Every structure is written in structure tokens, then in C-alpha cells.
Amino acid sequence: VSAKIRTGGPNDDPEDLSLPYWAGVVPLTHGYAA
């Protein structure tokens, strides 16, 4: 058995950090309705 987990934000290359594109995480949640 093994588990694998990724957390955190994007791993952009240093030369891309000044590019004019939005970067980040869109969280997903699991929920129940009535």
C-alpha cells in the first residue's frame, strides 16, 4: 500500500513569475444537500 498527496500552490519557473497570468489554487469541496 502507498498514499500520495499533493498540497500547496503552483510550482512556476522563476522566469515565469512576472507573466501577467493569474496563478493559484481553486479549492474543491465535497458536500451533502438536504
Full PDB file with SEQRES, HELIX, SHEET, SSBOND, CRYST1, ORIGX, SCALE, CONECT and MASTER records, all heavy atoms in Angstrom:
SEQRES   1 A   34  VAL SER ALA LYS ILE ARG THR GLY GLY PRO ASN ASP ASP          
SEQRES   2 A   34  PRO GLU ASP LEU SER LEU PRO TYR TRP ALA GLY VAL VAL          
SEQRES   3 A   34  PRO LEU THR HIS GLY TYR ALA ALA                              
HELIX    1 AA1 PRO A   14  ASP A   16  5                                   3    
CRYST1    1.000    1.000    1.000  90.00  90.00  90.00 P 1           1          
ORIGX1      1.000000  0.000000  0.000000        0.00000                         
ORIGX2      0.000000  1.000000  0.000000        0.00000                         
ORIGX3      0.000000  0.000000  1.000000        0.00000                         
SCALE1      1.000000  0.000000  0.000000        0.00000                         
SCALE2      0.000000  1.000000  0.000000        0.00000                         
SCALE3      0.000000  0.000000  1.000000        0.00000                         
ATOM      1  N   VAL A   1       0.834  -1.204   0.000  1.00  0.00           N  
ATOM      2  CA  VAL A   1       0.000   0.000   0.000  1.00  0.00           C  
ATOM      3  C   VAL A   1       0.866   1.250   0.000  1.00  0.00           C  
ATOM      4  O   VAL A   1       1.926   1.285   0.625  1.00  0.00           O  
ATOM      5  CB  VAL A   1      -0.894   0.041   1.262  1.00  0.00           C  
ATOM      6  CG1 VAL A   1      -1.886   1.200   1.178  1.00  0.00           C  
ATOM      7  CG2 VAL A   1      -1.612  -1.272   1.466  1.00  0.00           C  
ATOM      8  N   SER A   2       0.390   2.284  -0.674  1.00  0.00           N  
ATOM      9  CA  SER A   2       1.029   3.596  -0.585  1.00  0.00           C  
ATOM     10  C   SER A   2      -0.014   4.685  -0.730  1.00  0.00           C  
ATOM     11  O   SER A   2      -1.049   4.499  -1.374  1.00  0.00           O  
ATOM     12  CB  SER A   2       2.108   3.775  -1.662  1.00  0.00           C  
ATOM     13  OG  SER A   2       1.525   3.775  -2.952  1.00  0.00           O  
ATOM     14  N   ALA A   3       0.256   5.818  -0.098  1.00  0.00           N  
ATOM     15  CA  ALA A   3      -0.550   7.025  -0.289  1.00  0.00           C  
ATOM     16  C   ALA A   3       0.308   8.038  -1.017  1.00  0.00           C  
ATOM     17  O   ALA A   3       1.541   7.996  -0.953  1.00  0.00           O  
ATOM     18  CB  ALA A   3      -1.005   7.583   1.055  1.00  0.00           C  
ATOM     19  N   LYS A   4      -0.337   8.950  -1.717  1.00  0.00           N  
ATOM     20  CA  LYS A   4       0.375  10.037  -2.371  1.00  0.00           C  
ATOM     21  C   LYS A   4      -0.472  11.294  -2.234  1.00  0.00           C  
ATOM     22  O   LYS A   4      -1.684  11.253  -2.473  1.00  0.00           O  
ATOM     23  CB  LYS A   4       0.642   9.712  -3.843  1.00  0.00           C  
ATOM     24  CG  LYS A   4       1.726  10.577  -4.481  1.00  0.00           C  
ATOM     25  CD  LYS A   4       2.066  10.105  -5.889  1.00  0.00           C  
ATOM     26  CE  LYS A   4       3.181  10.941  -6.511  1.00  0.00           C  
ATOM     27  NZ  LYS A   4       3.472  10.536  -7.901  1.00  0.00           N  
ATOM     28  N   ILE A   5       0.169  12.379  -1.841  1.00  0.00           N  
ATOM     29  CA  ILE A   5      -0.548  13.597  -1.510  1.00  0.00           C  
ATOM     30  C   ILE A   5       0.169  14.799  -2.121  1.00  0.00           C  
ATOM     31  O   ILE A   5       1.401  14.898  -2.036  1.00  0.00           O  
ATOM     32  CB  ILE A   5      -0.630  13.786   0.020  1.00  0.00           C  
ATOM     33  CG1 ILE A   5      -1.329  12.588   0.672  1.00  0.00           C  
ATOM     34  CG2 ILE A   5      -1.351  15.080   0.376  1.00  0.00           C  
ATOM     35  CD1 ILE A   5      -1.230  12.566   2.173  1.00  0.00           C  
ATOM     36  N   ARG A   6      -0.621  15.697  -2.723  1.00  0.00           N  
ATOM     37  CA  ARG A   6      -0.079  16.980  -3.168  1.00  0.00           C  
ATOM     38  C   ARG A   6      -0.875  18.093  -2.505  1.00  0.00           C  
ATOM     39  O   ARG A   6      -2.103  18.069  -2.484  1.00  0.00           O  
ATOM     40  CB  ARG A   6      -0.156  17.168  -4.686  1.00  0.00           C  
ATOM     41  CG  ARG A   6       0.599  18.432  -5.154  1.00  0.00           C  
ATOM     42  CD  ARG A   6       0.173  18.921  -6.514  1.00  0.00           C  
ATOM     43  NE  ARG A   6       1.066  19.967  -7.035  1.00  0.00           N  
ATOM     44  CZ  ARG A   6       1.002  21.261  -6.688  1.00  0.00           C  
ATOM     45  NH1 ARG A   6       0.083  21.673  -5.809  1.00  0.00           N  
ATOM     46  NH2 ARG A   6       1.846  22.136  -7.194  1.00  0.00           N  
ATOM     47  N   THR A   7      -0.168  19.076  -1.959  1.00  0.00           N  
ATOM     48  CA  THR A   7      -0.782  20.265  -1.386  1.00  0.00           C  
ATOM     49  C   THR A   7      -0.017  21.490  -1.871  1.00  0.00           C  
ATOM     50  O   THR A   7       1.065  21.374  -2.439  1.00  0.00           O  
ATOM     51  CB  THR A   7      -0.751  20.222   0.150  1.00  0.00           C  
ATOM     52  OG1 THR A   7       0.619  20.162   0.598  1.00  0.00           O  
ATOM     53  CG2 THR A   7      -1.511  19.025   0.695  1.00  0.00           C  
ATOM     54  N   GLY A   8      -0.591  22.674  -1.636  1.00  0.00           N  
ATOM     55  CA  GLY A   8       0.120  23.903  -1.939  1.00  0.00           C  
ATOM     56  C   GLY A   8      -0.207  24.479  -3.303  1.00  0.00           C  
ATOM     57  O   GLY A   8      -1.060  23.983  -4.040  1.00  0.00           O  
ATOM     58  N   GLY A   9       0.509  25.551  -3.620  1.00  0.00           N  
ATOM     59  CA  GLY A   9       0.241  26.285  -4.849  1.00  0.00           C  
ATOM     60  C   GLY A   9       1.034  25.788  -6.031  1.00  0.00           C  
ATOM     61  O   GLY A   9       1.689  24.738  -5.971  1.00  0.00           O  
ATOM     62  N   PRO A  10       1.000  26.542  -7.134  1.00  0.00           N  
ATOM     63  CA  PRO A  10       1.705  26.138  -8.348  1.00  0.00           C  
ATOM     64  C   PRO A  10       3.211  26.236  -8.187  1.00  0.00           C  
ATOM     65  O   PRO A  10       3.722  27.034  -7.405  1.00  0.00           O  
ATOM     66  CB  PRO A  10       1.185  27.123  -9.398  1.00  0.00           C  
ATOM     67  CG  PRO A  10       0.741  28.317  -8.622  1.00  0.00           C  
ATOM     68  CD  PRO A  10       0.231  27.796  -7.325  1.00  0.00           C  
ATOM     69  N   ASN A  11       3.910  25.412  -8.946  1.00  0.00           N  
ATOM     70  CA  ASN A  11       5.378  25.407  -8.942  1.00  0.00           C  
ATOM     71  C   ASN A  11       5.880  26.044 -10.235  1.00  0.00           C  
ATOM     72  O   ASN A  11       6.480  25.385 -11.090  1.00  0.00           O  
ATOM     73  CB  ASN A  11       5.909  23.978  -8.802  1.00  0.00           C  
ATOM     74  CG  ASN A  11       5.524  23.345  -7.478  1.00  0.00           C  
ATOM     75  OD1 ASN A  11       5.552  23.998  -6.440  1.00  0.00           O  
ATOM     76  ND2 ASN A  11       5.159  22.070  -7.515  1.00  0.00           N  
ATOM     77  N   ASP A  12       5.620  27.340 -10.355  1.00  0.00           N  
ATOM     78  CA  ASP A  12       6.041  28.039 -11.561  1.00  0.00           C  
ATOM     79  C   ASP A  12       7.557  28.200 -11.610  1.00  0.00           C  
ATOM     80  O   ASP A  12       8.227  28.304 -10.572  1.00  0.00           O  
ATOM     81  CB  ASP A  12       5.401  29.426 -11.613  1.00  0.00           C  
ATOM     82  CG  ASP A  12       4.027  29.408 -12.245  1.00  0.00           C  
ATOM     83  OD1 ASP A  12       3.891  28.817 -13.333  1.00  0.00           O  
ATOM     84  OD2 ASP A  12       3.087  29.971 -11.654  1.00  0.00           O  
ATOM     85  N   ASP A  13       8.103  28.231 -12.827  1.00  0.00           N  
ATOM     86  CA  ASP A  13       9.525  28.518 -13.005  1.00  0.00           C  
ATOM     87  C   ASP A  13       9.800  29.975 -12.649  1.00  0.00           C  
ATOM     88  O   ASP A  13       8.950  30.853 -12.879  1.00  0.00           O  
ATOM     89  CB  ASP A  13       9.939  28.244 -14.452  1.00  0.00           C  
ATOM     90  CG  ASP A  13       9.800  26.778 -14.827  1.00  0.00           C  
ATOM     91  OD1 ASP A  13      10.008  25.926 -13.943  1.00  0.00           O  
ATOM     92  OD2 ASP A  13       9.466  26.493 -16.000  1.00  0.00           O  
ATOM     93  N   PRO A  14      10.966  30.264 -12.086  1.00  0.00           N  
ATOM     94  CA  PRO A  14      11.284  31.640 -11.692  1.00  0.00           C  
ATOM     95  C   PRO A  14      11.101  32.649 -12.817  1.00  0.00           C  
ATOM     96  O   PRO A  14      10.620  33.764 -12.595  1.00  0.00           O  
ATOM     97  CB  PRO A  14      12.748  31.546 -11.237  1.00  0.00           C  
ATOM     98  CG  PRO A  14      12.903  30.131 -10.782  1.00  0.00           C  
ATOM     99  CD  PRO A  14      12.043  29.322 -11.712  1.00  0.00           C  
ATOM    100  N   GLU A  15      11.440  32.271 -14.052  1.00  0.00           N  
ATOM    101  CA  GLU A  15      11.343  33.213 -15.167  1.00  0.00           C  
ATOM    102  C   GLU A  15       9.893  33.489 -15.577  1.00  0.00           C  
ATOM    103  O   GLU A  15       9.625  34.414 -16.345  1.00  0.00           O  
ATOM    104  CB  GLU A  15      12.128  32.702 -16.371  1.00  0.00           C  
ATOM    105  CG  GLU A  15      11.701  31.354 -16.914  1.00  0.00           C  
ATOM    106  CD  GLU A  15      12.433  30.181 -16.265  1.00  0.00           C  
ATOM    107  OE1 GLU A  15      12.928  30.341 -15.124  1.00  0.00           O  
ATOM    108  OE2 GLU A  15      12.502  29.116 -16.903  1.00  0.00           O  
ATOM    109  N   ASP A  16       8.943  32.701 -15.046  1.00  0.00           N  
ATOM    110  CA  ASP A  16       7.537  32.908 -15.385  1.00  0.00           C  
ATOM    111  C   ASP A  16       6.780  33.730 -14.347  1.00  0.00           C  
ATOM    112  O   ASP A  16       5.611  34.078 -14.564  1.00  0.00           O  
ATOM    113  CB  ASP A  16       6.829  31.556 -15.545  1.00  0.00           C  
ATOM    114  CG  ASP A  16       7.262  30.805 -16.791  1.00  0.00           C  
ATOM    115  OD1 ASP A  16       7.739  31.466 -17.735  1.00  0.00           O  
ATOM    116  OD2 ASP A  16       7.122  29.567 -16.810  1.00  0.00           O  
ATOM    117  N   LEU A  17       7.401  34.041 -13.232  1.00  0.00           N  
ATOM    118  CA  LEU A  17       6.688  34.698 -12.138  1.00  0.00           C  
ATOM    119  C   LEU A  17       6.179  36.087 -12.507  1.00  0.00           C  
ATOM    120  O   LEU A  17       5.207  36.572 -11.925  1.00  0.00           O  
ATOM    121  CB  LEU A  17       7.585  34.788 -10.902  1.00  0.00           C  
ATOM    122  CG  LEU A  17       7.996  33.439 -10.291  1.00  0.00           C  
ATOM    123  CD1 LEU A  17       8.861  33.666  -9.060  1.00  0.00           C  
ATOM    124  CD2 LEU A  17       6.771  32.597  -9.942  1.00  0.00           C  
ATOM    125  N   SER A  18       6.802  36.733 -13.463  1.00  0.00           N  
ATOM    126  CA  SER A  18       6.374  38.083 -13.852  1.00  0.00           C  
ATOM    127  C   SER A  18       5.343  38.075 -14.976  1.00  0.00           C  
ATOM    128  O   SER A  18       4.880  39.142 -15.399  1.00  0.00           O  
ATOM    129  CB  SER A  18       7.592  38.912 -14.280  1.00  0.00           C  
ATOM    130  OG  SER A  18       8.227  38.315 -15.402  1.00  0.00           O  
ATOM    131  N   LEU A  19       4.954  36.911 -15.455  1.00  0.00           N  
ATOM    132  CA  LEU A  19       3.963  36.847 -16.534  1.00  0.00           C  
ATOM    133  C   LEU A  19       2.601  37.316 -16.031  1.00  0.00           C  
ATOM    134  O   LEU A  19       2.228  37.075 -14.875  1.00  0.00           O  
ATOM    135  CB  LEU A  19       3.862  35.419 -17.076  1.00  0.00           C  
ATOM    136  CG  LEU A  19       5.101  34.887 -17.804  1.00  0.00           C  
ATOM    137  CD1 LEU A  19       4.899  33.425 -18.195  1.00  0.00           C  
ATOM    138  CD2 LEU A  19       5.404  35.719 -19.042  1.00  0.00           C  
ATOM    139  N   PRO A  20       1.790  37.952 -16.882  1.00  0.00           N  
ATOM    140  CA  PRO A  20       0.519  38.549 -16.454  1.00  0.00           C  
ATOM    141  C   PRO A  20      -0.649  37.562 -16.454  1.00  0.00           C  
ATOM    142  O   PRO A  20      -1.732  37.855 -16.987  1.00  0.00           O  
ATOM    143  CB  PRO A  20       0.304  39.650 -17.489  1.00  0.00           C  
ATOM    144  CG  PRO A  20       0.891  39.095 -18.734  1.00  0.00           C  
ATOM    145  CD  PRO A  20       2.104  38.312 -18.295  1.00  0.00           C  
ATOM    146  N   TYR A  21      -0.429  36.388 -15.872  1.00  0.00           N  
ATOM    147  CA  TYR A  21      -1.474  35.368 -15.824  1.00  0.00           C  
ATOM    148  C   TYR A  21      -1.797  35.054 -14.372  1.00  0.00           C  
ATOM    149  O   TYR A  21      -0.892  34.926 -13.542  1.00  0.00           O  
ATOM    150  CB  TYR A  21      -1.039  34.091 -16.548  1.00  0.00           C  
ATOM    151  CG  TYR A  21      -0.551  34.314 -17.960  1.00  0.00           C  
ATOM    152  CD1 TYR A  21       0.737  33.942 -18.333  1.00  0.00           C  
ATOM    153  CD2 TYR A  21      -1.372  34.909 -18.918  1.00  0.00           C  
ATOM    154  CE1 TYR A  21       1.191  34.146 -19.624  1.00  0.00           C  
ATOM    155  CE2 TYR A  21      -0.921  35.113 -20.207  1.00  0.00           C  
ATOM    156  CZ  TYR A  21       0.362  34.736 -20.554  1.00  0.00           C  
ATOM    157  OH  TYR A  21       0.805  34.951 -21.834  1.00  0.00           O  
ATOM    158  N   TRP A  22      -3.094  34.877 -14.089  1.00  0.00           N  
ATOM    159  CA  TRP A  22      -3.486  34.535 -12.721  1.00  0.00           C  
ATOM    160  C   TRP A  22      -2.940  33.159 -12.363  1.00  0.00           C  
ATOM    161  O   TRP A  22      -2.962  32.225 -13.170  1.00  0.00           O  
ATOM    162  CB  TRP A  22      -5.008  34.536 -12.596  1.00  0.00           C  
ATOM    163  CG  TRP A  22      -5.480  34.400 -11.172  1.00  0.00           C  
ATOM    164  CD1 TRP A  22      -5.744  35.416 -10.305  1.00  0.00           C  
ATOM    165  CD2 TRP A  22      -5.734  33.184 -10.459  1.00  0.00           C  
ATOM    166  NE1 TRP A  22      -6.140  34.915  -9.089  1.00  0.00           N  
ATOM    167  CE2 TRP A  22      -6.134  33.537  -9.152  1.00  0.00           C  
ATOM    168  CE3 TRP A  22      -5.631  31.829 -10.792  1.00  0.00           C  
ATOM    169  CZ2 TRP A  22      -6.462  32.594  -8.174  1.00  0.00           C  
ATOM    170  CZ3 TRP A  22      -5.950  30.882  -9.827  1.00  0.00           C  
ATOM    171  CH2 TRP A  22      -6.357  31.260  -8.540  1.00  0.00           C  
ATOM    172  N   ALA A  23      -2.474  33.002 -11.137  1.00  0.00           N  
ATOM    173  CA  ALA A  23      -1.962  31.722 -10.656  1.00  0.00           C  
ATOM    174  C   ALA A  23      -2.460  31.496  -9.238  1.00  0.00           C  
ATOM    175  O   ALA A  23      -2.606  32.439  -8.454  1.00  0.00           O  
ATOM    176  CB  ALA A  23      -0.435  31.698 -10.702  1.00  0.00           C  
ATOM    177  N   GLY A  24      -2.747  30.265  -8.916  1.00  0.00           N  
ATOM    178  CA  GLY A  24      -3.213  29.945  -7.574  1.00  0.00           C  
ATOM    179  C   GLY A  24      -3.958  28.629  -7.558  1.00  0.00           C  
ATOM    180  O   GLY A  24      -3.802  27.792  -8.456  1.00  0.00           O  
ATOM    181  N   VAL A  25      -4.775  28.448  -6.532  1.00  0.00           N  
ATOM    182  CA  VAL A  25      -5.500  27.196  -6.329  1.00  0.00           C  
ATOM    183  C   VAL A  25      -6.998  27.472  -6.269  1.00  0.00           C  
ATOM    184  O   VAL A  25      -7.438  28.425  -5.623  1.00  0.00           O  
ATOM    185  CB  VAL A  25      -5.054  26.502  -5.025  1.00  0.00           C  
ATOM    186  CG1 VAL A  25      -5.871  25.244  -4.780  1.00  0.00           C  
ATOM    187  CG2 VAL A  25      -3.564  26.173  -5.077  1.00  0.00           C  
ATOM    188  N   VAL A  26      -7.775  26.655  -6.956  1.00  0.00           N  
ATOM    189  CA  VAL A  26      -9.229  26.684  -6.858  1.00  0.00           C  
ATOM    190  C   VAL A  26      -9.635  25.505  -5.972  1.00  0.00           C  
ATOM    191  O   VAL A  26      -9.611  24.350  -6.422  1.00  0.00           O  
ATOM    192  CB  VAL A  26      -9.907  26.576  -8.234  1.00  0.00           C  
ATOM    193  CG1 VAL A  26     -11.430  26.621  -8.085  1.00  0.00           C  
ATOM    194  CG2 VAL A  26      -9.423  27.678  -9.169  1.00  0.00           C  
ATOM    195  N   PRO A  27      -9.972  25.746  -4.695  1.00  0.00           N  
ATOM    196  CA  PRO A  27     -10.310  24.634  -3.795  1.00  0.00           C  
ATOM    197  C   PRO A  27     -11.592  23.933  -4.233  1.00  0.00           C  
ATOM    198  O   PRO A  27     -12.534  24.563  -4.722  1.00  0.00           O  
ATOM    199  CB  PRO A  27     -10.485  25.314  -2.433  1.00  0.00           C  
ATOM    200  CG  PRO A  27      -9.788  26.628  -2.550  1.00  0.00           C  
ATOM    201  CD  PRO A  27      -9.963  27.038  -3.989  1.00  0.00           C  
ATOM    202  N   LEU A  28     -11.624  22.629  -4.050  1.00  0.00           N  
ATOM    203  CA  LEU A  28     -12.822  21.832  -4.312  1.00  0.00           C  
ATOM    204  C   LEU A  28     -13.294  21.230  -2.994  1.00  0.00           C  
ATOM    205  O   LEU A  28     -12.482  20.770  -2.195  1.00  0.00           O  
ATOM    206  CB  LEU A  28     -12.528  20.708  -5.309  1.00  0.00           C  
ATOM    207  CG  LEU A  28     -12.017  21.130  -6.681  1.00  0.00           C  
ATOM    208  CD1 LEU A  28     -11.740  19.901  -7.536  1.00  0.00           C  
ATOM    209  CD2 LEU A  28     -13.026  22.028  -7.376  1.00  0.00           C  
ATOM    210  N   THR A  29     -14.599  21.256  -2.771  1.00  0.00           N  
ATOM    211  CA  THR A  29     -15.146  20.709  -1.540  1.00  0.00           C  
ATOM    212  C   THR A  29     -16.216  19.671  -1.863  1.00  0.00           C  
ATOM    213  O   THR A  29     -16.866  19.723  -2.901  1.00  0.00           O  
ATOM    214  CB  THR A  29     -15.771  21.812  -0.661  1.00  0.00           C  
ATOM    215  OG1 THR A  29     -16.807  22.471  -1.391  1.00  0.00           O  
ATOM    216  CG2 THR A  29     -14.720  22.829  -0.249  1.00  0.00           C  
ATOM    217  N   HIS A  30     -16.378  18.731  -0.945  1.00  0.00           N  
ATOM    218  CA  HIS A  30     -17.404  17.692  -1.069  1.00  0.00           C  
ATOM    219  C   HIS A  30     -18.478  17.990  -0.049  1.00  0.00           C  
ATOM    220  O   HIS A  30     -18.185  18.204   1.128  1.00  0.00           O  
ATOM    221  CB  HIS A  30     -16.794  16.312  -0.802  1.00  0.00           C  
ATOM    222  CG  HIS A  30     -17.789  15.199  -0.825  1.00  0.00           C  
ATOM    223  ND1 HIS A  30     -18.316  14.698  -1.995  1.00  0.00           N  
ATOM    224  CD2 HIS A  30     -18.359  14.491   0.172  1.00  0.00           C  
ATOM    225  CE1 HIS A  30     -19.164  13.722  -1.716  1.00  0.00           C  
ATOM    226  NE2 HIS A  30     -19.212  13.576  -0.401  1.00  0.00           N  
ATOM    227  N   GLY A  31     -19.741  18.043  -0.487  1.00  0.00           N  
ATOM    228  CA  GLY A  31     -20.810  18.377   0.435  1.00  0.00           C  
ATOM    229  C   GLY A  31     -22.061  17.565   0.191  1.00  0.00           C  
ATOM    230  O   GLY A  31     -22.171  16.839  -0.797  1.00  0.00           O  
ATOM    231  N   TYR A  32     -23.003  17.690   1.117  1.00  0.00           N  
ATOM    232  CA  TYR A  32     -24.267  16.970   1.033  1.00  0.00           C  
ATOM    233  C   TYR A  32     -25.423  17.970   1.072  1.00  0.00           C  
ATOM    234  O   TYR A  32     -25.426  18.884   1.905  1.00  0.00           O  
ATOM    235  CB  TYR A  32     -24.421  15.993   2.207  1.00  0.00           C  
ATOM    236  CG  TYR A  32     -23.406  14.880   2.219  1.00  0.00           C  
ATOM    237  CD1 TYR A  32     -22.175  15.046   2.850  1.00  0.00           C  
ATOM    238  CD2 TYR A  32     -23.676  13.664   1.593  1.00  0.00           C  
ATOM    239  CE1 TYR A  32     -21.244  14.021   2.868  1.00  0.00           C  
ATOM    240  CE2 TYR A  32     -22.748  12.637   1.602  1.00  0.00           C  
ATOM    241  CZ  TYR A  32     -21.530  12.828   2.238  1.00  0.00           C  
ATOM    242  OH  TYR A  32     -20.604  11.810   2.244  1.00  0.00           O  
ATOM    243  N   ALA A  33     -26.393  17.806   0.203  1.00  0.00           N  
ATOM    244  CA  ALA A  33     -27.608  18.605   0.245  1.00  0.00           C  
ATOM    245  C   ALA A  33     -28.604  17.938   1.199  1.00  0.00           C  
ATOM    246  O   ALA A  33     -28.365  16.836   1.707  1.00  0.00           O  
ATOM    247  CB  ALA A  33     -28.191  18.743  -1.148  1.00  0.00           C  
ATOM    248  N   ALA A  34     -29.718  18.602   1.424  1.00  0.00           N  
ATOM    249  CA  ALA A  34     -30.736  18.060   2.325  1.00  0.00           C  
ATOM    250  C   ALA A  34     -31.289  16.750   1.761  1.00  0.00           C  
ATOM    251  O   ALA A  34     -31.558  16.644   0.560  1.00  0.00           O  
ATOM    252  CB  ALA A  34     -31.861  19.070   2.511  1.00  0.00           C  
TER     253      ALA A  34                                                      
MASTER        0    0    0    1    0    0    0    6  252    1    0    3          
END                                                                             
